[in-house]
């Protein structure tokens, strides 16, 4: 599902103008991105957490040049779904049917 499809779905379910929904969704993404850039995590109860995860310093290999590269410690944005979110996906009848059809 694309962002445009999400916006259309929200507009259809809420009756709110599509342009207003688009502005709201864009604003949400900007707030999440800006907050995480500033080092803040975002917790949405019942949905999940947007968290900055620290990656330690490590030595990697450049296989084509056969050299070692040092990757300094850095942060990576991650999303951790809530237990409620995970349970809904695990118990989804639609996904269970998809698994049965692919077997």
C-alpha atoms as a PDB file:
ATOM      1  CA  UNK A   1       0.000   0.000   0.000  1.00  0.00           C
ATOM      2  CA  UNK A   2       1.415   3.387  -0.961  1.00  0.00           C
ATOM      3  CA  UNK A   3       1.140   6.656   0.939  1.00  0.00           C
ATOM      4  CA  UNK A   4      -1.436   7.872  -1.598  1.00  0.00           C
ATOM      5  CA  UNK A   5      -3.548   4.757  -0.977  1.00  0.00           C
ATOM      6  CA  UNK A   6      -3.308   5.284   2.780  1.00  0.00           C
ATOM      7  CA  UNK A   7      -4.453   8.894   2.372  1.00  0.00           C
ATOM      8  CA  UNK A   8      -7.394   7.811   0.205  1.00  0.00           C
ATOM      9  CA  UNK A   9      -8.369   5.107   2.702  1.00  0.00           C
ATOM     10  CA  UNK A  10      -8.298   7.552   5.632  1.00  0.00           C
ATOM     11  CA  UNK A  11     -10.298  10.135   3.670  1.00  0.00           C
ATOM     12  CA  UNK A  12     -12.936   7.523   2.788  1.00  0.00           C
ATOM     13  CA  UNK A  13     -13.228   6.229   6.380  1.00  0.00           C
ATOM     14  CA  UNK A  14     -13.332   9.639   8.080  1.00  0.00           C
ATOM     15  CA  UNK A  15     -15.117  11.765   5.492  1.00  0.00           C
ATOM     16  CA  UNK A  16     -12.350  14.363   5.803  1.00  0.00           C
ATOM     17  CA  UNK A  17     -11.178  16.140   2.642  1.00  0.00           C
ATOM     18  CA  UNK A  18      -8.329  14.261   0.920  1.00  0.00           C
ATOM     19  CA  UNK A  19      -6.107  17.370   0.845  1.00  0.00           C
ATOM     20  CA  UNK A  20      -6.520  17.837   4.607  1.00  0.00           C
ATOM     21  CA  UNK A  21      -5.682  14.183   5.217  1.00  0.00           C
ATOM     22  CA  UNK A  22      -2.581  14.501   3.030  1.00  0.00           C
ATOM     23  CA  UNK A  23      -1.403  17.576   4.966  1.00  0.00           C
ATOM     24  CA  UNK A  24      -1.972  15.749   8.261  1.00  0.00           C
ATOM     25  CA  UNK A  25      -0.118  12.608   7.178  1.00  0.00           C
ATOM     26  CA  UNK A  26       2.784  14.672   5.803  1.00  0.00           C
ATOM     27  CA  UNK A  27       2.909  16.686   9.035  1.00  0.00           C
ATOM     28  CA  UNK A  28       2.984  13.457  11.077  1.00  0.00           C
ATOM     29  CA  UNK A  29       5.931  12.137   9.075  1.00  0.00           C
ATOM     30  CA  UNK A  30       7.780  15.438   9.437  1.00  0.00           C
ATOM     31  CA  UNK A  31       7.226  15.507  13.203  1.00  0.00           C
ATOM     32  CA  UNK A  32       8.469  11.917  13.539  1.00  0.00           C
ATOM     33  CA  UNK A  33      11.535  12.609  11.391  1.00  0.00           C
ATOM     34  CA  UNK A  34      12.400  15.907  13.116  1.00  0.00           C
ATOM     35  CA  UNK A  35      11.960  14.431  16.599  1.00  0.00           C
ATOM     36  CA  UNK A  36      14.157  11.466  15.789  1.00  0.00           C
ATOM     37  CA  UNK A  37      16.809  13.743  14.273  1.00  0.00           C
ATOM     38  CA  UNK A  38      16.862  15.554  17.612  1.00  0.00           C
ATOM     39  CA  UNK A  39      17.337  12.254  19.454  1.00  0.00           C
ATOM     40  CA  UNK A  40      13.789  11.826  20.756  1.00  0.00           C
ATOM     41  CA  UNK A  41      11.896   8.559  20.524  1.00  0.00           C
ATOM     42  CA  UNK A  42       8.171   8.458  19.706  1.00  0.00           C
ATOM     43  CA  UNK A  43       5.786   6.075  21.434  1.00  0.00           C
ATOM     44  CA  UNK A  44       2.276   5.520  20.052  1.00  0.00           C
ATOM     45  CA  UNK A  45       0.306   3.353  22.468  1.00  0.00           C
ATOM     46  CA  UNK A  46      -1.309   0.373  20.769  1.00  0.00           C
ATOM     47  CA  UNK A  47       0.665   0.941  17.556  1.00  0.00           C
ATOM     48  CA  UNK A  48       4.395   0.929  18.209  1.00  0.00           C
ATOM     49  CA  UNK A  49       7.554   2.909  18.857  1.00  0.00           C
ATOM     50  CA  UNK A  50       9.853   4.855  16.586  1.00  0.00           C
ATOM     51  CA  UNK A  51      13.230   4.479  18.287  1.00  0.00           C
ATOM     52  CA  UNK A  52      16.788   5.579  17.554  1.00  0.00           C
ATOM     53  CA  UNK A  53      18.914   2.465  17.964  1.00  0.00           C
ATOM     54  CA  UNK A  54      22.642   2.811  18.567  1.00  0.00           C
ATOM     55  CA  UNK A  55      24.984   0.739  16.429  1.00  0.00           C
ATOM     56  CA  UNK A  56      28.415   0.078  17.920  1.00  0.00           C
ATOM     57  CA  UNK A  57      31.737   0.772  16.229  1.00  0.00           C
ATOM     58  CA  UNK A  58      32.783  -2.148  14.046  1.00  0.00           C
ATOM     59  CA  UNK A  59      35.292  -3.217  11.458  1.00  0.00           C
ATOM     60  CA  UNK A  60      33.839  -4.253   8.106  1.00  0.00           C
ATOM     61  CA  UNK A  61      35.491  -5.643   4.978  1.00  0.00           C
ATOM     62  CA  UNK A  62      35.494  -4.194   1.488  1.00  0.00           C
ATOM     63  CA  UNK A  63      35.591  -7.479  -0.401  1.00  0.00           C
ATOM     64  CA  UNK A  64      36.426  -5.989  -3.806  1.00  0.00           C
ATOM     65  CA  UNK A  65      39.526  -4.160  -2.495  1.00  0.00           C
ATOM     66  CA  UNK A  66      40.269  -6.645   0.299  1.00  0.00           C
ATOM     67  CA  UNK A  67      40.598  -3.883   2.875  1.00  0.00           C
ATOM     68  CA  UNK A  68      39.200  -3.245   6.327  1.00  0.00           C
ATOM     69  CA  UNK A  69      36.855  -0.309   6.897  1.00  0.00           C
ATOM     70  CA  UNK A  70      36.047   1.150  10.305  1.00  0.00           C
ATOM     71  CA  UNK A  71      32.401   2.052  10.741  1.00  0.00           C
ATOM     72  CA  UNK A  72      32.033   4.509  13.600  1.00  0.00           C
ATOM     73  CA  UNK A  73      29.198   4.280  16.135  1.00  0.00           C
ATOM     74  CA  UNK A  74      25.969   5.700  14.768  1.00  0.00           C
ATOM     75  CA  UNK A  75      22.204   5.702  15.256  1.00  0.00           C
ATOM     76  CA  UNK A  76      19.658   4.005  13.011  1.00  0.00           C
ATOM     77  CA  UNK A  77      15.917   4.760  13.117  1.00  0.00           C
ATOM     78  CA  UNK A  78      13.828   1.673  13.839  1.00  0.00           C
ATOM     79  CA  UNK A  79      10.174   0.830  14.344  1.00  0.00           C
ATOM     80  CA  UNK A  80       9.081  -1.645  16.981  1.00  0.00           C
ATOM     81  CA  UNK A  81       5.410  -2.637  16.736  1.00  0.00           C
ATOM     82  CA  UNK A  82       3.388  -2.891  19.950  1.00  0.00           C
ATOM     83  CA  UNK A  83       2.259  -6.256  21.271  1.00  0.00           C
ATOM     84  CA  UNK A  84      -1.321  -5.395  20.249  1.00  0.00           C
ATOM     85  CA  UNK A  85      -0.180  -4.636  16.681  1.00  0.00           C
ATOM     86  CA  UNK A  86       1.830  -7.880  16.457  1.00  0.00           C
ATOM     87  CA  UNK A  87      -1.092  -9.925  17.816  1.00  0.00           C
ATOM     88  CA  UNK A  88      -3.492  -8.448  15.235  1.00  0.00           C
ATOM     89  CA  UNK A  89      -1.134  -9.342  12.391  1.00  0.00           C
ATOM     90  CA  UNK A  90      -0.497 -12.849  13.760  1.00  0.00           C
ATOM     91  CA  UNK A  91      -4.221 -13.518  14.109  1.00  0.00           C
ATOM     92  CA  UNK A  92      -5.209 -12.007  10.732  1.00  0.00           C
ATOM     93  CA  UNK A  93      -7.585 -14.329   8.874  1.00  0.00           C
ATOM     94  CA  UNK A  94      -6.556 -12.752   5.560  1.00  0.00           C
ATOM     95  CA  UNK A  95      -2.901 -13.612   6.137  1.00  0.00           C
ATOM     96  CA  UNK A  96      -3.793 -17.111   7.310  1.00  0.00           C
ATOM     97  CA  UNK A  97      -5.688 -17.660   4.031  1.00  0.00           C
ATOM     98  CA  UNK A  98      -2.678 -16.385   2.068  1.00  0.00           C
ATOM     99  CA  UNK A  99      -0.446 -18.918   3.822  1.00  0.00           C
ATOM    100  CA  UNK A 100      -2.889 -21.746   3.057  1.00  0.00           C
ATOM    101  CA  UNK A 101      -3.064 -20.772  -0.627  1.00  0.00           C
ATOM    102  CA  UNK A 102       0.716 -20.599  -1.027  1.00  0.00           C
ATOM    103  CA  UNK A 103       1.224 -24.037   0.581  1.00  0.00           C
END
